[in-house]
Amino acid sequence: MHDFSDRQPSQNPTLQDRQRELAATMQRLLPSDQLREVLDGVWLRRVSTPTELSSGSSHPSFCVIAHGSKEIWVGERCLRYDPEHYLISTASLPVSTRIVEASEEQPFLNLVMRLDPSLVSSVMVEAGRLAARGHVTESALAVSPLDGELLDA
C-alpha cells in the first residue's frame, strides 16, 4: 500500500475533487440516459429527470451517487442518499425506489457495485452481525457518510 501522506495540499484531492472526477468520468461513459454494465458487476446509471416510486428488490451492493439523490423505501423506512452518502445493501429485500434529484444540467449519476453474497456473509460473521437464518432486517440496508478514501478506492 502506498503512503500518500507526502502529497502537497494541491496534490491531495478533496472529497469534492474526487466527486467531480467521478461525475466527469461517468458523463463521458454515459452521454445519454442509460444503465450500463462497465465491468462485471459494476453498473453506471444516468437519468435526467426525477422518477416515480417503483417497486423492485435490493441486492448485496455498494452504491455511490456522483450527482442527484435517490430514496429507497423498505417498508415504512425511507433512506435517502446523495453524493455525500453511500448506500450499502447486504441482502436481497423488497424495496421501492425513486430518483429525487435529476435534471438535464445535473443528471442523476449512480455507480452500483454488486457484492458477492458469500463474502458479505463471511464479513458479517466475523463482525458478529449475522442475522438469524431466514430473518433479514431493515438494517441490511444502510446509508453512511462518504469519505474521500472510500471514494478514492
N, C-alpha and C. Protein backbone atom coordinates (compact mmCIF):
# COMPACT_ATOMS: atom_id res chain seq x y z
N MET A 1 0.85 -1.17 0.00
CA MET A 1 0.00 0.00 0.00
C MET A 1 0.90 1.23 0.00
N HIS A 2 0.57 2.21 -0.82
CA HIS A 2 1.36 3.42 -0.94
C HIS A 2 0.94 4.45 0.10
N ASP A 3 1.90 5.11 0.72
CA ASP A 3 1.62 6.16 1.70
C ASP A 3 1.52 7.49 0.95
N PHE A 4 0.35 8.11 1.00
CA PHE A 4 0.14 9.38 0.31
C PHE A 4 0.32 10.57 1.23
N SER A 5 0.84 10.37 2.43
CA SER A 5 0.97 11.46 3.38
C SER A 5 1.97 12.51 2.94
N ASP A 6 2.83 12.19 1.94
CA ASP A 6 3.82 13.16 1.48
C ASP A 6 3.28 14.06 0.38
N ARG A 7 2.00 13.91 0.00
CA ARG A 7 1.42 14.76 -1.02
C ARG A 7 1.33 16.21 -0.55
N GLN A 8 1.54 17.11 -1.45
CA GLN A 8 1.34 18.52 -1.16
C GLN A 8 -0.16 18.78 -1.17
N PRO A 9 -0.64 19.86 -0.51
CA PRO A 9 -2.07 20.11 -0.47
C PRO A 9 -2.70 20.15 -1.86
N SER A 10 -2.04 20.72 -2.85
CA SER A 10 -2.60 20.80 -4.18
C SER A 10 -2.65 19.42 -4.86
N GLN A 11 -1.86 18.46 -4.35
CA GLN A 11 -1.84 17.11 -4.91
C GLN A 11 -2.77 16.17 -4.15
N ASN A 12 -3.35 16.64 -3.06
CA ASN A 12 -4.21 15.82 -2.23
C ASN A 12 -5.65 16.22 -2.49
N PRO A 13 -6.31 15.51 -3.40
CA PRO A 13 -7.67 15.92 -3.77
C PRO A 13 -8.65 15.81 -2.61
N THR A 14 -9.58 16.74 -2.55
CA THR A 14 -10.63 16.71 -1.54
C THR A 14 -11.73 15.77 -2.00
N LEU A 15 -12.67 15.52 -1.11
CA LEU A 15 -13.83 14.70 -1.46
C LEU A 15 -14.54 15.31 -2.66
N GLN A 16 -14.70 16.63 -2.66
CA GLN A 16 -15.38 17.31 -3.76
C GLN A 16 -14.62 17.14 -5.08
N ASP A 17 -13.29 17.17 -5.03
CA ASP A 17 -12.48 16.93 -6.24
C ASP A 17 -12.71 15.52 -6.77
N ARG A 18 -12.74 14.56 -5.88
CA ARG A 18 -12.96 13.17 -6.29
C ARG A 18 -14.37 12.98 -6.85
N GLN A 19 -15.35 13.65 -6.24
CA GLN A 19 -16.72 13.56 -6.74
C GLN A 19 -16.83 14.18 -8.13
N ARG A 20 -16.19 15.33 -8.35
CA ARG A 20 -16.20 15.96 -9.68
C ARG A 20 -15.54 15.05 -10.71
N GLU A 21 -14.43 14.41 -10.33
CA GLU A 21 -13.74 13.50 -11.24
C GLU A 21 -14.62 12.29 -11.58
N LEU A 22 -15.28 11.73 -10.57
CA LEU A 22 -16.18 10.61 -10.80
C LEU A 22 -17.32 11.03 -11.71
N ALA A 23 -17.93 12.18 -11.44
CA ALA A 23 -19.05 12.66 -12.26
C ALA A 23 -18.61 12.89 -13.71
N ALA A 24 -17.44 13.48 -13.91
CA ALA A 24 -16.94 13.73 -15.27
C ALA A 24 -16.70 12.41 -16.00
N THR A 25 -16.12 11.45 -15.32
CA THR A 25 -15.87 10.14 -15.93
C THR A 25 -17.19 9.47 -16.30
N MET A 26 -18.15 9.52 -15.39
CA MET A 26 -19.44 8.89 -15.66
C MET A 26 -20.17 9.57 -16.82
N GLN A 27 -20.07 10.89 -16.91
CA GLN A 27 -20.73 11.60 -18.01
C GLN A 27 -20.09 11.25 -19.35
N ARG A 28 -18.77 11.03 -19.35
CA ARG A 28 -18.12 10.60 -20.60
C ARG A 28 -18.58 9.20 -21.00
N LEU A 29 -18.72 8.31 -20.03
CA LEU A 29 -19.15 6.94 -20.31
C LEU A 29 -20.65 6.83 -20.62
N LEU A 30 -21.42 7.79 -20.09
CA LEU A 30 -22.87 7.78 -20.26
C LEU A 30 -23.32 9.12 -20.85
N PRO A 31 -23.15 9.33 -22.14
CA PRO A 31 -23.53 10.62 -22.74
C PRO A 31 -25.04 10.86 -22.79
N SER A 32 -25.84 9.79 -22.58
CA SER A 32 -27.29 9.92 -22.56
C SER A 32 -27.84 9.03 -21.44
N ASP A 33 -29.13 9.19 -21.15
CA ASP A 33 -29.75 8.39 -20.10
C ASP A 33 -29.67 6.91 -20.44
N GLN A 34 -29.13 6.14 -19.51
CA GLN A 34 -28.99 4.70 -19.72
C GLN A 34 -28.48 4.02 -18.46
N LEU A 35 -28.57 2.71 -18.47
CA LEU A 35 -27.98 1.84 -17.46
C LEU A 35 -26.98 0.98 -18.21
N ARG A 36 -25.75 0.97 -17.74
CA ARG A 36 -24.69 0.28 -18.48
C ARG A 36 -23.77 -0.49 -17.53
N GLU A 37 -23.53 -1.75 -17.85
CA GLU A 37 -22.57 -2.55 -17.07
C GLU A 37 -21.19 -2.30 -17.68
N VAL A 38 -20.30 -1.63 -16.93
CA VAL A 38 -18.98 -1.26 -17.45
C VAL A 38 -17.92 -2.31 -17.11
N LEU A 39 -18.12 -3.04 -16.06
CA LEU A 39 -17.29 -4.18 -15.67
C LEU A 39 -18.24 -5.22 -15.11
N ASP A 40 -17.80 -6.45 -15.01
CA ASP A 40 -18.64 -7.48 -14.45
C ASP A 40 -19.10 -7.08 -13.05
N GLY A 41 -20.41 -6.86 -12.88
CA GLY A 41 -20.95 -6.50 -11.57
C GLY A 41 -20.86 -5.03 -11.22
N VAL A 42 -20.37 -4.18 -12.13
CA VAL A 42 -20.28 -2.73 -11.87
C VAL A 42 -21.16 -2.02 -12.90
N TRP A 43 -22.19 -1.34 -12.39
CA TRP A 43 -23.18 -0.68 -13.23
C TRP A 43 -23.13 0.82 -13.04
N LEU A 44 -23.29 1.56 -14.13
CA LEU A 44 -23.42 3.01 -14.10
C LEU A 44 -24.80 3.36 -14.63
N ARG A 45 -25.41 4.37 -14.04
CA ARG A 45 -26.74 4.80 -14.48
C ARG A 45 -26.80 6.31 -14.56
N ARG A 46 -27.40 6.79 -15.64
CA ARG A 46 -27.65 8.22 -15.83
C ARG A 46 -29.14 8.41 -16.10
N VAL A 47 -29.75 9.37 -15.37
CA VAL A 47 -31.16 9.70 -15.52
C VAL A 47 -31.28 11.22 -15.43
N SER A 48 -32.01 11.81 -16.38
CA SER A 48 -32.09 13.27 -16.46
C SER A 48 -33.35 13.89 -15.86
N THR A 49 -34.25 13.08 -15.33
CA THR A 49 -35.46 13.60 -14.69
C THR A 49 -35.77 12.76 -13.45
N PRO A 50 -36.40 13.37 -12.44
CA PRO A 50 -36.83 12.56 -11.28
C PRO A 50 -37.77 11.46 -11.73
N THR A 51 -37.84 10.38 -10.97
CA THR A 51 -38.69 9.25 -11.32
C THR A 51 -39.79 9.07 -10.27
N GLU A 52 -40.81 8.33 -10.67
CA GLU A 52 -41.88 7.95 -9.74
C GLU A 52 -41.38 6.79 -8.88
N LEU A 53 -42.04 6.58 -7.77
CA LEU A 53 -41.72 5.45 -6.90
C LEU A 53 -42.02 4.16 -7.64
N SER A 54 -41.06 3.24 -7.66
CA SER A 54 -41.26 1.94 -8.32
C SER A 54 -40.76 0.83 -7.41
N SER A 55 -41.37 -0.33 -7.55
CA SER A 55 -41.03 -1.48 -6.71
C SER A 55 -39.95 -2.33 -7.36
N GLY A 56 -39.17 -2.98 -6.54
CA GLY A 56 -38.12 -3.87 -7.02
C GLY A 56 -37.53 -4.61 -5.84
N SER A 57 -36.28 -4.99 -5.96
CA SER A 57 -35.60 -5.63 -4.84
C SER A 57 -34.15 -5.16 -4.78
N SER A 58 -33.65 -5.11 -3.57
CA SER A 58 -32.24 -4.77 -3.38
C SER A 58 -31.41 -6.03 -3.55
N HIS A 59 -30.14 -5.87 -3.78
CA HIS A 59 -29.19 -6.97 -3.86
C HIS A 59 -27.96 -6.55 -3.08
N PRO A 60 -27.16 -7.47 -2.58
CA PRO A 60 -25.94 -7.06 -1.90
C PRO A 60 -25.11 -6.17 -2.84
N SER A 61 -24.92 -4.92 -2.44
CA SER A 61 -24.21 -3.97 -3.30
C SER A 61 -23.74 -2.76 -2.52
N PHE A 62 -22.82 -2.05 -3.16
CA PHE A 62 -22.28 -0.78 -2.68
C PHE A 62 -22.67 0.25 -3.73
N CYS A 63 -23.34 1.34 -3.32
CA CYS A 63 -23.88 2.32 -4.27
C CYS A 63 -23.39 3.73 -3.93
N VAL A 64 -22.89 4.42 -4.95
CA VAL A 64 -22.39 5.79 -4.80
C VAL A 64 -23.09 6.66 -5.84
N ILE A 65 -23.45 7.86 -5.46
CA ILE A 65 -24.06 8.82 -6.37
C ILE A 65 -23.08 9.95 -6.62
N ALA A 66 -22.87 10.29 -7.89
CA ALA A 66 -22.00 11.41 -8.25
C ALA A 66 -22.78 12.72 -8.35
N HIS A 67 -24.03 12.65 -8.83
CA HIS A 67 -24.95 13.80 -8.91
C HIS A 67 -26.34 13.32 -8.54
N GLY A 68 -27.12 14.20 -7.94
CA GLY A 68 -28.51 13.90 -7.65
C GLY A 68 -28.70 13.21 -6.32
N SER A 69 -29.92 12.69 -6.12
CA SER A 69 -30.21 11.93 -4.90
C SER A 69 -31.31 10.92 -5.19
N LYS A 70 -31.38 9.91 -4.32
CA LYS A 70 -32.31 8.80 -4.51
C LYS A 70 -32.87 8.39 -3.15
N GLU A 71 -34.12 7.97 -3.15
CA GLU A 71 -34.75 7.42 -1.95
C GLU A 71 -34.99 5.93 -2.17
N ILE A 72 -34.81 5.18 -1.10
CA ILE A 72 -35.10 3.75 -1.13
C ILE A 72 -35.96 3.45 0.11
N TRP A 73 -37.09 2.84 -0.14
CA TRP A 73 -38.04 2.53 0.92
C TRP A 73 -38.02 1.04 1.21
N VAL A 74 -37.91 0.70 2.50
CA VAL A 74 -38.02 -0.68 2.98
C VAL A 74 -39.15 -0.63 4.00
N GLY A 75 -40.31 -1.12 3.58
CA GLY A 75 -41.48 -0.98 4.45
C GLY A 75 -41.79 0.50 4.64
N GLU A 76 -41.88 0.93 5.88
CA GLU A 76 -42.17 2.34 6.19
C GLU A 76 -40.90 3.18 6.35
N ARG A 77 -39.77 2.53 6.26
CA ARG A 77 -38.48 3.21 6.47
C ARG A 77 -37.94 3.75 5.15
N CYS A 78 -37.57 5.03 5.14
CA CYS A 78 -37.02 5.66 3.93
C CYS A 78 -35.57 6.04 4.17
N LEU A 79 -34.71 5.62 3.26
CA LEU A 79 -33.30 6.01 3.29
C LEU A 79 -33.06 6.88 2.07
N ARG A 80 -32.38 8.01 2.26
CA ARG A 80 -32.06 8.89 1.14
C ARG A 80 -30.55 9.02 1.07
N TYR A 81 -30.01 8.86 -0.14
CA TYR A 81 -28.58 9.04 -0.29
C TYR A 81 -28.29 9.95 -1.48
N ASP A 82 -27.07 10.50 -1.46
CA ASP A 82 -26.69 11.57 -2.37
C ASP A 82 -25.17 11.54 -2.52
N PRO A 83 -24.55 12.54 -3.17
CA PRO A 83 -23.10 12.49 -3.35
C PRO A 83 -22.28 12.48 -2.05
N GLU A 84 -22.88 12.85 -0.95
CA GLU A 84 -22.15 12.87 0.32
C GLU A 84 -22.39 11.61 1.15
N HIS A 85 -23.24 10.71 0.66
CA HIS A 85 -23.59 9.49 1.39
C HIS A 85 -23.63 8.31 0.43
N TYR A 86 -23.23 7.15 0.92
CA TYR A 86 -23.32 5.93 0.11
C TYR A 86 -24.35 5.00 0.73
N LEU A 87 -24.82 4.07 -0.09
CA LEU A 87 -25.75 3.05 0.37
C LEU A 87 -25.05 1.72 0.31
N ILE A 88 -25.21 0.93 1.37
CA ILE A 88 -24.70 -0.44 1.37
C ILE A 88 -25.88 -1.37 1.62
N SER A 89 -25.97 -2.40 0.81
CA SER A 89 -27.02 -3.40 0.96
C SER A 89 -26.33 -4.75 1.14
N THR A 90 -26.72 -5.47 2.18
CA THR A 90 -26.08 -6.76 2.47
C THR A 90 -26.98 -7.94 2.21
N ALA A 91 -28.22 -7.67 1.74
CA ALA A 91 -29.17 -8.77 1.49
C ALA A 91 -30.17 -8.35 0.43
N SER A 92 -30.84 -9.33 -0.14
CA SER A 92 -31.92 -9.06 -1.08
C SER A 92 -33.19 -8.81 -0.28
N LEU A 93 -33.82 -7.66 -0.54
CA LEU A 93 -35.05 -7.27 0.15
C LEU A 93 -36.00 -6.63 -0.85
N PRO A 94 -37.31 -6.74 -0.63
CA PRO A 94 -38.24 -5.98 -1.47
C PRO A 94 -38.14 -4.50 -1.08
N VAL A 95 -38.00 -3.64 -2.06
CA VAL A 95 -37.86 -2.21 -1.83
C VAL A 95 -38.66 -1.43 -2.86
N SER A 96 -38.86 -0.16 -2.58
CA SER A 96 -39.38 0.79 -3.55
C SER A 96 -38.36 1.91 -3.64
N THR A 97 -38.11 2.42 -4.84
CA THR A 97 -37.10 3.46 -5.01
C THR A 97 -37.63 4.56 -5.92
N ARG A 98 -37.01 5.72 -5.79
CA ARG A 98 -37.26 6.80 -6.73
C ARG A 98 -36.06 7.74 -6.73
N ILE A 99 -35.79 8.28 -7.90
CA ILE A 99 -34.75 9.30 -8.04
C ILE A 99 -35.42 10.63 -7.74
N VAL A 100 -34.88 11.35 -6.77
CA VAL A 100 -35.50 12.58 -6.29
C VAL A 100 -34.93 13.81 -6.98
N GLU A 101 -33.61 13.82 -7.18
CA GLU A 101 -32.96 14.98 -7.80
C GLU A 101 -32.26 14.55 -9.08
N ALA A 102 -32.69 15.14 -10.20
CA ALA A 102 -32.08 14.88 -11.50
C ALA A 102 -32.58 15.94 -12.48
N SER A 103 -31.70 16.39 -13.37
CA SER A 103 -32.08 17.36 -14.40
C SER A 103 -31.17 17.16 -15.60
N GLU A 104 -31.51 17.81 -16.71
CA GLU A 104 -30.65 17.74 -17.90
C GLU A 104 -29.26 18.29 -17.58
N GLU A 105 -29.21 19.39 -16.83
CA GLU A 105 -27.93 20.03 -16.49
C GLU A 105 -27.14 19.25 -15.45
N GLN A 106 -27.83 18.66 -14.51
CA GLN A 106 -27.21 17.88 -13.43
C GLN A 106 -27.91 16.52 -13.36
N PRO A 107 -27.62 15.61 -14.29
CA PRO A 107 -28.31 14.31 -14.27
C PRO A 107 -27.93 13.49 -13.04
N PHE A 108 -28.83 12.61 -12.67
CA PHE A 108 -28.55 11.64 -11.63
C PHE A 108 -27.51 10.68 -12.19
N LEU A 109 -26.39 10.55 -11.49
CA LEU A 109 -25.31 9.65 -11.90
C LEU A 109 -25.01 8.72 -10.72
N ASN A 110 -25.12 7.42 -10.96
CA ASN A 110 -25.05 6.43 -9.91
C ASN A 110 -24.12 5.28 -10.31
N LEU A 111 -23.29 4.85 -9.38
CA LEU A 111 -22.44 3.68 -9.57
C LEU A 111 -22.90 2.62 -8.59
N VAL A 112 -23.15 1.41 -9.09
CA VAL A 112 -23.56 0.29 -8.25
C VAL A 112 -22.57 -0.85 -8.47
N MET A 113 -21.99 -1.31 -7.38
CA MET A 113 -21.07 -2.45 -7.44
C MET A 113 -21.70 -3.60 -6.67
N ARG A 114 -22.03 -4.66 -7.39
CA ARG A 114 -22.61 -5.85 -6.75
C ARG A 114 -21.57 -6.49 -5.85
N LEU A 115 -22.04 -6.99 -4.72
CA LEU A 115 -21.17 -7.66 -3.76
C LEU A 115 -21.49 -9.15 -3.75
N ASP A 116 -20.48 -9.96 -3.62
CA ASP A 116 -20.63 -11.41 -3.55
C ASP A 116 -21.30 -11.76 -2.21
N PRO A 117 -22.49 -12.36 -2.25
CA PRO A 117 -23.21 -12.67 -1.00
C PRO A 117 -22.40 -13.52 -0.01
N SER A 118 -21.59 -14.46 -0.51
CA SER A 118 -20.80 -15.28 0.41
C SER A 118 -19.73 -14.44 1.10
N LEU A 119 -19.16 -13.47 0.39
CA LEU A 119 -18.18 -12.57 1.00
C LEU A 119 -18.85 -11.68 2.04
N VAL A 120 -20.03 -11.16 1.70
CA VAL A 120 -20.78 -10.32 2.65
C VAL A 120 -21.08 -11.12 3.92
N SER A 121 -21.54 -12.37 3.74
CA SER A 121 -21.86 -13.22 4.91
C SER A 121 -20.64 -13.47 5.78
N SER A 122 -19.50 -13.76 5.17
CA SER A 122 -18.31 -14.04 5.97
C SER A 122 -17.85 -12.80 6.72
N VAL A 123 -17.95 -11.64 6.12
CA VAL A 123 -17.58 -10.40 6.81
C VAL A 123 -18.54 -10.14 7.97
N MET A 124 -19.83 -10.37 7.73
CA MET A 124 -20.81 -10.16 8.80
C MET A 124 -20.60 -11.13 9.95
N VAL A 125 -20.25 -12.38 9.65
CA VAL A 125 -19.97 -13.35 10.70
C VAL A 125 -18.77 -12.89 11.52
N GLU A 126 -17.70 -12.47 10.83
CA GLU A 126 -16.50 -12.00 11.53
C GLU A 126 -16.80 -10.78 12.39
N ALA A 127 -17.72 -9.93 11.93
CA ALA A 127 -18.07 -8.73 12.69
C ALA A 127 -19.11 -9.01 13.76
N GLY A 128 -19.63 -10.26 13.82
CA GLY A 128 -20.64 -10.61 14.81
C GLY A 128 -22.00 -10.00 14.51
N ARG A 129 -22.31 -9.77 13.22
CA ARG A 129 -23.54 -9.08 12.87
C ARG A 129 -24.44 -9.91 11.95
N LEU A 130 -24.28 -11.20 11.93
CA LEU A 130 -25.09 -12.04 11.06
C LEU A 130 -26.46 -12.27 11.70
N ALA A 131 -27.52 -12.00 10.93
CA ALA A 131 -28.89 -12.21 11.40
C ALA A 131 -29.19 -13.71 11.44
N ALA A 132 -30.17 -14.08 12.25
CA ALA A 132 -30.59 -15.48 12.31
C ALA A 132 -31.06 -15.92 10.92
N ARG A 133 -30.86 -17.17 10.59
CA ARG A 133 -31.23 -17.71 9.26
C ARG A 133 -32.69 -17.40 8.95
N GLY A 134 -32.91 -16.84 7.76
CA GLY A 134 -34.26 -16.51 7.32
C GLY A 134 -34.81 -15.23 7.92
N HIS A 135 -34.04 -14.56 8.74
CA HIS A 135 -34.51 -13.33 9.39
C HIS A 135 -33.64 -12.17 8.91
N VAL A 136 -34.12 -11.50 7.86
CA VAL A 136 -33.40 -10.35 7.33
C VAL A 136 -34.10 -9.10 7.82
N THR A 137 -33.36 -8.16 8.36
CA THR A 137 -33.95 -6.95 8.90
C THR A 137 -33.66 -5.76 8.01
N GLU A 138 -34.32 -4.65 8.31
CA GLU A 138 -34.10 -3.42 7.57
C GLU A 138 -32.66 -2.95 7.68
N SER A 139 -31.94 -3.38 8.72
CA SER A 139 -30.55 -2.96 8.87
C SER A 139 -29.66 -3.57 7.80
N ALA A 140 -30.24 -4.42 6.96
CA ALA A 140 -29.48 -4.96 5.83
C ALA A 140 -29.22 -3.87 4.80
N LEU A 141 -29.87 -2.71 4.94
CA LEU A 141 -29.62 -1.53 4.12
C LEU A 141 -29.20 -0.40 5.04
N ALA A 142 -28.16 0.32 4.66
CA ALA A 142 -27.71 1.44 5.48
C ALA A 142 -27.13 2.53 4.59
N VAL A 143 -27.30 3.76 5.03
CA VAL A 143 -26.70 4.92 4.38
C VAL A 143 -25.70 5.51 5.36
N SER A 144 -24.50 5.80 4.85
CA SER A 144 -23.44 6.35 5.70
C SER A 144 -22.72 7.47 4.96
N PRO A 145 -22.06 8.37 5.71
CA PRO A 145 -21.29 9.43 5.06
C PRO A 145 -20.16 8.85 4.20
N LEU A 146 -19.98 9.44 3.04
CA LEU A 146 -18.92 9.03 2.13
C LEU A 146 -17.68 9.86 2.43
N ASP A 147 -16.54 9.21 2.56
CA ASP A 147 -15.31 9.97 2.77
C ASP A 147 -14.41 9.81 1.54
N GLY A 148 -13.41 10.66 1.45
CA GLY A 148 -12.53 10.69 0.29
C GLY A 148 -11.77 9.39 0.07
N GLU A 149 -11.33 8.74 1.14
CA GLU A 149 -10.56 7.50 0.99
C GLU A 149 -11.43 6.39 0.40
N LEU A 150 -12.69 6.30 0.86
CA LEU A 150 -13.58 5.27 0.31
C LEU A 150 -13.88 5.57 -1.15
N LEU A 151 -14.14 6.82 -1.47
CA LEU A 151 -14.42 7.19 -2.86
C LEU A 151 -13.19 6.99 -3.74
N ASP A 152 -12.02 7.24 -3.21
CA ASP A 152 -10.79 7.08 -3.96
C ASP A 152 -10.54 5.61 -4.33
N ALA A 153 -10.98 4.71 -3.43
CA ALA A 153 -10.80 3.28 -3.69
C ALA A 153 -11.59 2.88 -4.91
